[in-house]
């Protein structure tokens, strides 16, 4: 079932990318409350047209992530790169924005958009959000836009988010969330899996899943109604700050992980402690 979901989602978003790459027409999700209109006109003006046309999100994670100069940001399910490119501008030349997507066509489109935008502090990786191809403790912020609902194994996604976040790091994403009263069957009646509806978690399922992997300050806040009982929502969480000497998977990078970070141009911060300006 997991592989079947991956295949269906991959083909759906590959077709969306082909629409933009070949036909130069906007991708279509088929659901209300989803698409580039959720970004401001000023934000859309910052980007290549193709990045905007490929947007299939249910919100604007940049509006909630509160990015800062020099931060390392990971966008899960980066698609055509709209949030990666916007993030790159906000973290500046000393920061880095990384996009992760499992669809070859979307990665091609994202690379093209990054080149057109002249973005040099970006990186696009191929992979699944259930198994993020980055070392532990390698990013300050995780964002995503209407992607977690598409994952076949959501507990693995939550574990991976907690793993790759640095001590004190944070998550700020947008997604489709169901009211707690709706059963999985009732969610499926309201829309398809690839249309970002059937695979949605409920408010309490999302909150409990994030707390289960050790994240704190968890909040799931509705922003708009997508369809009956289904909401666009902002989801936030924080990884607790750990001592430098912590040896758990979320602590300081190991020598092997540091080498992997260096290969990505993301040298890890050593000896970071609260108050020294690097946390």
C-alpha atoms as a PDB file:
ATOM      1  CA  UNK A   1       0.000   0.000   0.000  1.00  0.00           C
ATOM      2  CA  UNK A   2       2.859   2.394   0.847  1.00  0.00           C
ATOM      3  CA  UNK A   3       4.500   1.923  -2.531  1.00  0.00           C
ATOM      4  CA  UNK A   4       1.149   2.209  -4.277  1.00  0.00           C
ATOM      5  CA  UNK A   5       0.504   5.567  -2.624  1.00  0.00           C
ATOM      6  CA  UNK A   6       4.007   6.759  -3.540  1.00  0.00           C
ATOM      7  CA  UNK A   7       3.476   5.761  -7.163  1.00  0.00           C
ATOM      8  CA  UNK A   8       0.080   7.450  -7.450  1.00  0.00           C
ATOM      9  CA  UNK A   9       1.315  10.666  -5.840  1.00  0.00           C
ATOM     10  CA  UNK A  10       4.517  10.696  -7.909  1.00  0.00           C
ATOM     11  CA  UNK A  11       2.627  10.324 -11.183  1.00  0.00           C
ATOM     12  CA  UNK A  12       0.081  12.973 -10.208  1.00  0.00           C
ATOM     13  CA  UNK A  13       2.770  15.558  -9.502  1.00  0.00           C
ATOM     14  CA  UNK A  14       4.919  14.484 -12.437  1.00  0.00           C
ATOM     15  CA  UNK A  15       1.954  15.285 -14.660  1.00  0.00           C
ATOM     16  CA  UNK A  16       1.607  18.681 -12.974  1.00  0.00           C
ATOM     17  CA  UNK A  17       5.270  19.420 -13.660  1.00  0.00           C
ATOM     18  CA  UNK A  18       4.899  18.346 -17.291  1.00  0.00           C
ATOM     19  CA  UNK A  19       1.996  20.761 -17.677  1.00  0.00           C
ATOM     20  CA  UNK A  20       4.296  23.594 -16.715  1.00  0.00           C
ATOM     21  CA  UNK A  21       7.449  22.357 -18.470  1.00  0.00           C
ATOM     22  CA  UNK A  22       5.873  21.379 -21.776  1.00  0.00           C
ATOM     23  CA  UNK A  23       2.596  23.256 -22.063  1.00  0.00           C
ATOM     24  CA  UNK A  24       3.550  26.283 -19.950  1.00  0.00           C
ATOM     25  CA  UNK A  25       0.178  26.125 -18.239  1.00  0.00           C
ATOM     26  CA  UNK A  26      -0.529  26.225 -14.528  1.00  0.00           C
ATOM     27  CA  UNK A  27      -0.766  22.950 -12.644  1.00  0.00           C
ATOM     28  CA  UNK A  28      -4.183  22.134 -11.232  1.00  0.00           C
ATOM     29  CA  UNK A  29      -4.917  20.395  -7.961  1.00  0.00           C
ATOM     30  CA  UNK A  30      -8.654  20.155  -8.508  1.00  0.00           C
ATOM     31  CA  UNK A  31      -9.503  21.262  -4.983  1.00  0.00           C
ATOM     32  CA  UNK A  32     -10.628  24.691  -3.787  1.00  0.00           C
ATOM     33  CA  UNK A  33      -8.331  26.640  -1.457  1.00  0.00           C
ATOM     34  CA  UNK A  34      -5.184  25.215  -3.036  1.00  0.00           C
ATOM     35  CA  UNK A  35      -2.772  27.023  -5.332  1.00  0.00           C
ATOM     36  CA  UNK A  36      -0.606  30.128  -5.855  1.00  0.00           C
ATOM     37  CA  UNK A  37      -3.348  32.571  -4.879  1.00  0.00           C
ATOM     38  CA  UNK A  38      -2.363  31.871  -1.261  1.00  0.00           C
ATOM     39  CA  UNK A  39       0.858  33.838  -1.828  1.00  0.00           C
ATOM     40  CA  UNK A  40       0.871  37.618  -1.899  1.00  0.00           C
ATOM     41  CA  UNK A  41       1.282  39.491  -5.174  1.00  0.00           C
ATOM     42  CA  UNK A  42       4.668  40.750  -3.955  1.00  0.00           C
ATOM     43  CA  UNK A  43       5.875  37.218  -3.236  1.00  0.00           C
ATOM     44  CA  UNK A  44       4.709  35.973  -6.635  1.00  0.00           C
ATOM     45  CA  UNK A  45       6.499  38.879  -8.293  1.00  0.00           C
ATOM     46  CA  UNK A  46       9.810  37.687  -6.784  1.00  0.00           C
ATOM     47  CA  UNK A  47       9.669  34.382  -8.675  1.00  0.00           C
ATOM     48  CA  UNK A  48       9.846  32.926 -12.183  1.00  0.00           C
ATOM     49  CA  UNK A  49       6.372  32.370 -13.630  1.00  0.00           C
ATOM     50  CA  UNK A  50       6.942  28.613 -13.808  1.00  0.00           C
ATOM     51  CA  UNK A  51       7.549  28.384 -10.060  1.00  0.00           C
ATOM     52  CA  UNK A  52       4.243  30.107  -9.389  1.00  0.00           C
ATOM     53  CA  UNK A  53       2.344  28.012 -11.934  1.00  0.00           C
ATOM     54  CA  UNK A  54       3.581  24.790 -10.314  1.00  0.00           C
ATOM     55  CA  UNK A  55       2.371  25.738  -6.841  1.00  0.00           C
ATOM     56  CA  UNK A  56      -0.106  23.216  -5.438  1.00  0.00           C
ATOM     57  CA  UNK A  57       0.020  24.221  -1.805  1.00  0.00           C
ATOM     58  CA  UNK A  58      -2.795  24.880   0.665  1.00  0.00           C
ATOM     59  CA  UNK A  59      -1.123  27.808   2.380  1.00  0.00           C
ATOM     60  CA  UNK A  60       2.012  29.903   2.630  1.00  0.00           C
ATOM     61  CA  UNK A  61       4.558  28.390   5.048  1.00  0.00           C
ATOM     62  CA  UNK A  62       6.838  31.413   4.646  1.00  0.00           C
ATOM     63  CA  UNK A  63       4.198  33.488   6.386  1.00  0.00           C
ATOM     64  CA  UNK A  64       4.582  31.375   9.548  1.00  0.00           C
ATOM     65  CA  UNK A  65       8.184  30.101   9.499  1.00  0.00           C
ATOM     66  CA  UNK A  66       9.741  33.447  10.517  1.00  0.00           C
ATOM     67  CA  UNK A  67      13.000  32.817   8.679  1.00  0.00           C
ATOM     68  CA  UNK A  68      16.162  34.667   9.622  1.00  0.00           C
ATOM     69  CA  UNK A  69      19.422  35.555   7.900  1.00  0.00           C
ATOM     70  CA  UNK A  70      21.888  32.661   7.891  1.00  0.00           C
ATOM     71  CA  UNK A  71      19.431  29.860   8.670  1.00  0.00           C
ATOM     72  CA  UNK A  72      19.306  26.483   6.938  1.00  0.00           C
ATOM     73  CA  UNK A  73      15.813  25.646   5.744  1.00  0.00           C
ATOM     74  CA  UNK A  74      14.456  22.329   4.454  1.00  0.00           C
ATOM     75  CA  UNK A  75      11.299  22.271   2.322  1.00  0.00           C
ATOM     76  CA  UNK A  76       9.594  18.865   2.272  1.00  0.00           C
ATOM     77  CA  UNK A  77       7.956  18.131  -1.070  1.00  0.00           C
ATOM     78  CA  UNK A  78       9.442  21.208  -2.707  1.00  0.00           C
ATOM     79  CA  UNK A  79       7.764  20.740  -6.101  1.00  0.00           C
ATOM     80  CA  UNK A  80       8.619  23.525  -8.530  1.00  0.00           C
ATOM     81  CA  UNK A  81      10.640  25.320  -5.877  1.00  0.00           C
ATOM     82  CA  UNK A  82       8.395  28.249  -4.955  1.00  0.00           C
ATOM     83  CA  UNK A  83       9.019  27.990  -1.197  1.00  0.00           C
ATOM     84  CA  UNK A  84      12.707  27.146  -1.610  1.00  0.00           C
ATOM     85  CA  UNK A  85      13.297  30.253  -3.727  1.00  0.00           C
ATOM     86  CA  UNK A  86      11.334  32.479  -1.354  1.00  0.00           C
ATOM     87  CA  UNK A  87      13.235  30.976   1.593  1.00  0.00           C
ATOM     88  CA  UNK A  88      16.592  31.532  -0.132  1.00  0.00           C
ATOM     89  CA  UNK A  89      15.888  35.240  -0.373  1.00  0.00           C
ATOM     90  CA  UNK A  90      15.003  35.461   3.298  1.00  0.00           C
ATOM     91  CA  UNK A  91      17.967  33.519   4.706  1.00  0.00           C
ATOM     92  CA  UNK A  92      20.372  35.420   2.459  1.00  0.00           C
ATOM     93  CA  UNK A  93      23.794  34.427   1.126  1.00  0.00           C
ATOM     94  CA  UNK A  94      24.943  33.091   4.500  1.00  0.00           C
ATOM     95  CA  UNK A  95      21.939  30.780   4.719  1.00  0.00           C
ATOM     96  CA  UNK A  96      20.813  27.848   2.623  1.00  0.00           C
ATOM     97  CA  UNK A  97      17.476  26.582   1.341  1.00  0.00           C
ATOM     98  CA  UNK A  98      17.118  22.878   0.527  1.00  0.00           C
ATOM     99  CA  UNK A  99      14.246  21.325  -1.381  1.00  0.00           C
ATOM    100  CA  UNK A 100      13.359  17.625  -1.185  1.00  0.00           C
ATOM    101  CA  UNK A 101      11.088  15.985  -3.745  1.00  0.00           C
ATOM    102  CA  UNK A 102      10.628  12.440  -5.055  1.00  0.00           C
ATOM    103  CA  UNK A 103       9.450  13.431  -8.539  1.00  0.00           C
ATOM    104  CA  UNK A 104      12.083  13.766 -11.278  1.00  0.00           C
ATOM    105  CA  UNK A 105       9.960  16.152 -13.319  1.00  0.00           C
ATOM    106  CA  UNK A 106       9.450  18.498 -10.378  1.00  0.00           C
ATOM    107  CA  UNK A 107      13.179  18.464  -9.638  1.00  0.00           C
ATOM    108  CA  UNK A 108      13.934  19.406 -13.251  1.00  0.00           C
ATOM    109  CA  UNK A 109      11.429  22.236 -13.041  1.00  0.00           C
ATOM    110  CA  UNK A 110      12.811  23.425  -9.696  1.00  0.00           C
ATOM    111  CA  UNK A 111      16.392  23.462 -10.982  1.00  0.00           C
ATOM    112  CA  UNK A 112      15.274  25.468 -13.998  1.00  0.00           C
ATOM    113  CA  UNK A 113      13.437  27.931 -11.803  1.00  0.00           C
ATOM    114  CA  UNK A 114      16.434  28.322  -9.486  1.00  0.00           C
ATOM    115  CA  UNK A 115      18.697  29.048 -12.458  1.00  0.00           C
ATOM    116  CA  UNK A 116      16.256  31.594 -13.845  1.00  0.00           C
ATOM    117  CA  UNK A 117      16.007  33.271 -10.445  1.00  0.00           C
ATOM    118  CA  UNK A 118      19.803  33.353 -10.105  1.00  0.00           C
ATOM    119  CA  UNK A 119      19.584  31.612  -6.718  1.00  0.00           C
ATOM    120  CA  UNK A 120      22.963  30.296  -5.578  1.00  0.00           C
ATOM    121  CA  UNK A 121      22.167  29.323  -1.973  1.00  0.00           C
ATOM    122  CA  UNK A 122      19.755  26.522  -2.882  1.00  0.00           C
ATOM    123  CA  UNK A 123      19.997  22.743  -3.127  1.00  0.00           C
ATOM    124  CA  UNK A 124      17.471  20.251  -4.496  1.00  0.00           C
ATOM    125  CA  UNK A 125      17.570  16.613  -3.387  1.00  0.00           C
ATOM    126  CA  UNK A 126      15.655  13.574  -4.591  1.00  0.00           C
ATOM    127  CA  UNK A 127      14.045  11.463  -1.922  1.00  0.00           C
ATOM    128  CA  UNK A 128      10.986  10.712   0.158  1.00  0.00           C
ATOM    129  CA  UNK A 129       9.934  12.704   3.165  1.00  0.00           C
ATOM    130  CA  UNK A 130       9.632   9.457   5.149  1.00  0.00           C
ATOM    131  CA  UNK A 131      13.424   9.001   4.774  1.00  0.00           C
ATOM    132  CA  UNK A 132      15.059  12.425   4.435  1.00  0.00           C
ATOM    133  CA  UNK A 133      18.529  12.112   2.827  1.00  0.00           C
ATOM    134  CA  UNK A 134      20.216  14.530   5.250  1.00  0.00           C
ATOM    135  CA  UNK A 135      22.236  13.976   8.430  1.00  0.00           C
ATOM    136  CA  UNK A 136      20.788  14.473  11.887  1.00  0.00           C
ATOM    137  CA  UNK A 137      20.779  17.980  13.328  1.00  0.00           C
ATOM    138  CA  UNK A 138      21.454  19.580   9.945  1.00  0.00           C
ATOM    139  CA  UNK A 139      18.729  22.231   9.536  1.00  0.00           C
ATOM    140  CA  UNK A 140      17.290  25.061  11.587  1.00  0.00           C
ATOM    141  CA  UNK A 141      13.813  25.077  10.079  1.00  0.00           C
ATOM    142  CA  UNK A 142      11.557  22.537   8.333  1.00  0.00           C
ATOM    143  CA  UNK A 143       8.770  23.859   6.131  1.00  0.00           C
ATOM    144  CA  UNK A 144       6.311  22.206   3.762  1.00  0.00           C
ATOM    145  CA  UNK A 145       3.175  23.190   1.925  1.00  0.00           C
ATOM    146  CA  UNK A 146       0.322  20.682   1.805  1.00  0.00           C
ATOM    147  CA  UNK A 147       2.631  17.655   1.607  1.00  0.00           C
ATOM    148  CA  UNK A 148       2.427  15.678   4.852  1.00  0.00           C
ATOM    149  CA  UNK A 149      -1.146  14.648   3.968  1.00  0.00           C
ATOM    150  CA  UNK A 150       0.304  12.910   0.882  1.00  0.00           C
ATOM    151  CA  UNK A 151       2.764  10.778   2.865  1.00  0.00           C
ATOM    152  CA  UNK A 152       2.062   7.073   3.119  1.00  0.00           C
ATOM    153  CA  UNK A 153       3.805   6.740   6.513  1.00  0.00           C
ATOM    154  CA  UNK A 154       3.193   9.879   8.550  1.00  0.00           C
ATOM    155  CA  UNK A 155       4.833   8.687  11.811  1.00  0.00           C
ATOM    156  CA  UNK A 156       8.061   8.251   9.838  1.00  0.00           C
ATOM    157  CA  UNK A 157       7.726  11.798   8.508  1.00  0.00           C
ATOM    158  CA  UNK A 158       7.416  13.136  12.048  1.00  0.00           C
ATOM    159  CA  UNK A 159      10.429  11.111  13.224  1.00  0.00           C
ATOM    160  CA  UNK A 160      12.492  12.384  10.311  1.00  0.00           C
ATOM    161  CA  UNK A 161      11.543  16.004  10.977  1.00  0.00           C
ATOM    162  CA  UNK A 162      12.652  15.630  14.592  1.00  0.00           C
ATOM    163  CA  UNK A 163      15.870  13.914  13.508  1.00  0.00           C
ATOM    164  CA  UNK A 164      17.071  16.515  10.996  1.00  0.00           C
ATOM    165  CA  UNK A 165      16.210  19.546  13.131  1.00  0.00           C
ATOM    166  CA  UNK A 166      19.018  20.998  15.174  1.00  0.00           C
ATOM    167  CA  UNK A 167      18.606  21.476  18.908  1.00  0.00           C
ATOM    168  CA  UNK A 168      16.207  24.380  19.309  1.00  0.00           C
ATOM    169  CA  UNK A 169      15.101  24.137  15.668  1.00  0.00           C
ATOM    170  CA  UNK A 170      11.520  24.573  14.589  1.00  0.00           C
ATOM    171  CA  UNK A 171       8.902  23.407  12.152  1.00  0.00           C
ATOM    172  CA  UNK A 172       6.414  25.712  10.432  1.00  0.00           C
ATOM    173  CA  UNK A 173       4.267  24.053   7.787  1.00  0.00           C
ATOM    174  CA  UNK A 174       0.873  24.328   6.147  1.00  0.00           C
ATOM    175  CA  UNK A 175      -1.327  21.330   5.463  1.00  0.00           C
ATOM    176  CA  UNK A 176      -4.866  20.017   5.128  1.00  0.00           C
ATOM    177  CA  UNK A 177      -6.281  18.837   8.452  1.00  0.00           C
ATOM    178  CA  UNK A 178      -9.569  17.098   9.238  1.00  0.00           C
ATOM    179  CA  UNK A 179     -11.917  17.847  12.084  1.00  0.00           C
ATOM    180  CA  UNK A 180     -11.594  15.242  14.813  1.00  0.00           C
ATOM    181  CA  UNK A 181     -15.145  14.031  14.260  1.00  0.00           C
ATOM    182  CA  UNK A 182     -14.421  12.797  10.714  1.00  0.00           C
ATOM    183  CA  UNK A 183     -13.466   9.165  10.184  1.00  0.00           C
ATOM    184  CA  UNK A 184     -10.913   8.197   7.488  1.00  0.00           C
ATOM    185  CA  UNK A 185     -13.798   7.024   5.300  1.00  0.00           C
ATOM    186  CA  UNK A 186     -15.566  10.349   5.685  1.00  0.00           C
ATOM    187  CA  UNK A 187     -12.378  12.186   4.732  1.00  0.00           C
ATOM    188  CA  UNK A 188     -12.081  10.028   1.612  1.00  0.00           C
ATOM    189  CA  UNK A 189     -15.650  10.939   0.661  1.00  0.00           C
ATOM    190  CA  UNK A 190     -14.662  14.616   0.568  1.00  0.00           C
ATOM    191  CA  UNK A 191     -11.784  14.350  -1.894  1.00  0.00           C
ATOM    192  CA  UNK A 192      -9.019  12.200  -3.327  1.00  0.00           C
ATOM    193  CA  UNK A 193      -5.689  11.235  -1.791  1.00  0.00           C
ATOM    194  CA  UNK A 194      -3.698  13.032  -4.493  1.00  0.00           C
ATOM    195  CA  UNK A 195      -6.080  15.964  -4.165  1.00  0.00           C
ATOM    196  CA  UNK A 196      -4.703  16.456  -0.623  1.00  0.00           C
ATOM    197  CA  UNK A 197      -7.918  15.445   1.173  1.00  0.00           C
ATOM    198  CA  UNK A 198      -8.283  11.697   1.784  1.00  0.00           C
ATOM    199  CA  UNK A 199      -4.857  11.295   3.421  1.00  0.00           C
ATOM    200  CA  UNK A 200      -5.234  14.191   5.860  1.00  0.00           C
ATOM    201  CA  UNK A 201      -4.744  13.684   9.579  1.00  0.00           C
ATOM    202  CA  UNK A 202      -7.160  15.109  12.115  1.00  0.00           C
ATOM    203  CA  UNK A 203      -6.208  18.015  14.382  1.00  0.00           C
ATOM    204  CA  UNK A 204      -5.560  15.714  17.346  1.00  0.00           C
ATOM    205  CA  UNK A 205      -3.737  13.098  15.236  1.00  0.00           C
ATOM    206  CA  UNK A 206      -1.351  15.759  13.954  1.00  0.00           C
ATOM    207  CA  UNK A 207      -0.721  17.162  17.438  1.00  0.00           C
ATOM    208  CA  UNK A 208      -0.226  13.741  19.027  1.00  0.00           C
ATOM    209  CA  UNK A 209       2.059  12.557  16.223  1.00  0.00           C
ATOM    210  CA  UNK A 210       4.415  15.514  16.652  1.00  0.00           C
ATOM    211  CA  UNK A 211       4.490  15.221  20.436  1.00  0.00           C
ATOM    212  CA  UNK A 212       5.198  11.490  20.150  1.00  0.00           C
ATOM    213  CA  UNK A 213       8.573  12.201  18.499  1.00  0.00           C
ATOM    214  CA  UNK A 214       9.600  14.671  21.194  1.00  0.00           C
ATOM    215  CA  UNK A 215       8.613  17.975  19.594  1.00  0.00           C
ATOM    216  CA  UNK A 216       7.148  20.653  21.852  1.00  0.00           C
ATOM    217  CA  UNK A 217       5.139  23.880  21.559  1.00  0.00           C
ATOM    218  CA  UNK A 218       2.895  22.028  19.106  1.00  0.00           C
ATOM    219  CA  UNK A 219       0.001  23.956  17.595  1.00  0.00           C
ATOM    220  CA  UNK A 220      -2.427  23.212  14.759  1.00  0.00           C
ATOM    221  CA  UNK A 221      -4.426  26.274  13.756  1.00  0.00           C
ATOM    222  CA  UNK A 222      -7.110  26.437  11.082  1.00  0.00           C
ATOM    223  CA  UNK A 223      -6.669  29.186   8.475  1.00  0.00           C
ATOM    224  CA  UNK A 224      -9.544  28.465   6.091  1.00  0.00           C
ATOM    225  CA  UNK A 225     -12.160  25.859   5.234  1.00  0.00           C
ATOM    226  CA  UNK A 226     -11.217  23.771   2.195  1.00  0.00           C
ATOM    227  CA  UNK A 227     -14.324  21.595   2.141  1.00  0.00           C
ATOM    228  CA  UNK A 228     -16.853  20.368   4.704  1.00  0.00           C
ATOM    229  CA  UNK A 229     -14.905  19.364   7.824  1.00  0.00           C
ATOM    230  CA  UNK A 230     -11.487  19.855   6.155  1.00  0.00           C
ATOM    231  CA  UNK A 231      -9.299  22.860   6.886  1.00  0.00           C
ATOM    232  CA  UNK A 232      -6.159  24.488   5.623  1.00  0.00           C
ATOM    233  CA  UNK A 233      -4.009  24.805   8.723  1.00  0.00           C
ATOM    234  CA  UNK A 234      -0.742  26.147  10.090  1.00  0.00           C
ATOM    235  CA  UNK A 235       1.225  23.571  12.095  1.00  0.00           C
ATOM    236  CA  UNK A 236       4.102  24.623  14.331  1.00  0.00           C
ATOM    237  CA  UNK A 237       6.442  22.721  16.636  1.00  0.00           C
ATOM    238  CA  UNK A 238       9.865  23.107  18.233  1.00  0.00           C
ATOM    239  CA  UNK A 239      12.682  20.692  18.959  1.00  0.00           C
ATOM    240  CA  UNK A 240      13.790  21.119  22.586  1.00  0.00           C
ATOM    241  CA  UNK A 241      17.220  22.662  23.039  1.00  0.00           C
ATOM    242  CA  UNK A 242      19.783  20.035  24.044  1.00  0.00           C
ATOM    243  CA  UNK A 243      23.253  20.377  25.605  1.00  0.00           C
ATOM    244  CA  UNK A 244      26.159  20.321  23.142  1.00  0.00           C
ATOM    245  CA  UNK A 245      27.417  17.072  24.627  1.00  0.00           C
ATOM    246  CA  UNK A 246      24.101  15.281  23.930  1.00  0.00           C
ATOM    247  CA  UNK A 247      24.714  12.026  22.096  1.00  0.00           C
ATOM    248  CA  UNK A 248      21.188  11.203  20.959  1.00  0.00           C
ATOM    249  CA  UNK A 249      20.363  11.293  17.193  1.00  0.00           C
ATOM    250  CA  UNK A 250      19.091  14.855  17.505  1.00  0.00           C
ATOM    251  CA  UNK A 251      22.270  16.224  19.088  1.00  0.00           C
ATOM    252  CA  UNK A 252      25.441  17.564  17.497  1.00  0.00           C
ATOM    253  CA  UNK A 253      26.402  15.921  14.156  1.00  0.00           C
ATOM    254  CA  UNK A 254      28.824  13.007  14.235  1.00  0.00           C
ATOM    255  CA  UNK A 255      32.040  13.110  12.184  1.00  0.00           C
ATOM    256  CA  UNK A 256      30.314  11.163   9.393  1.00  0.00           C
ATOM    257  CA  UNK A 257      27.326  13.499   9.418  1.00  0.00           C
ATOM    258  CA  UNK A 258      29.603  16.535   9.471  1.00  0.00           C
ATOM    259  CA  UNK A 259      31.361  15.237   6.340  1.00  0.00           C
ATOM    260  CA  UNK A 260      27.992  14.795   4.616  1.00  0.00           C
ATOM    261  CA  UNK A 261      27.018  18.325   5.587  1.00  0.00           C
ATOM    262  CA  UNK A 262      30.301  19.651   4.244  1.00  0.00           C
ATOM    263  CA  UNK A 263      29.657  17.906   0.918  1.00  0.00           C
ATOM    264  CA  UNK A 264      26.421  19.874   0.672  1.00  0.00           C
ATOM    265  CA  UNK A 265      28.189  23.114   1.503  1.00  0.00           C
ATOM    266  CA  UNK A 266      26.564  23.123   4.933  1.00  0.00           C
ATOM    267  CA  UNK A 267      29.420  23.102   7.447  1.00  0.00           C
ATOM    268  CA  UNK A 268      28.008  22.203  10.888  1.00  0.00           C
ATOM    269  CA  UNK A 269      28.276  24.614  13.788  1.00  0.00           C
ATOM    270  CA  UNK A 270      30.595  23.258  16.467  1.00  0.00           C
ATOM    271  CA  UNK A 271      30.498  24.133  20.142  1.00  0.00           C
ATOM    272  CA  UNK A 272      27.199  25.960  19.878  1.00  0.00           C
ATOM    273  CA  UNK A 273      25.737  27.037  23.177  1.00  0.00           C
ATOM    274  CA  UNK A 274      22.965  29.342  24.210  1.00  0.00           C
ATOM    275  CA  UNK A 275      24.058  32.965  24.279  1.00  0.00           C
ATOM    276  CA  UNK A 276      26.961  32.728  21.820  1.00  0.00           C
ATOM    277  CA  UNK A 277      24.859  33.866  18.878  1.00  0.00           C
ATOM    278  CA  UNK A 278      25.002  30.627  16.882  1.00  0.00           C
ATOM    279  CA  UNK A 279      21.890  28.904  18.215  1.00  0.00           C
END
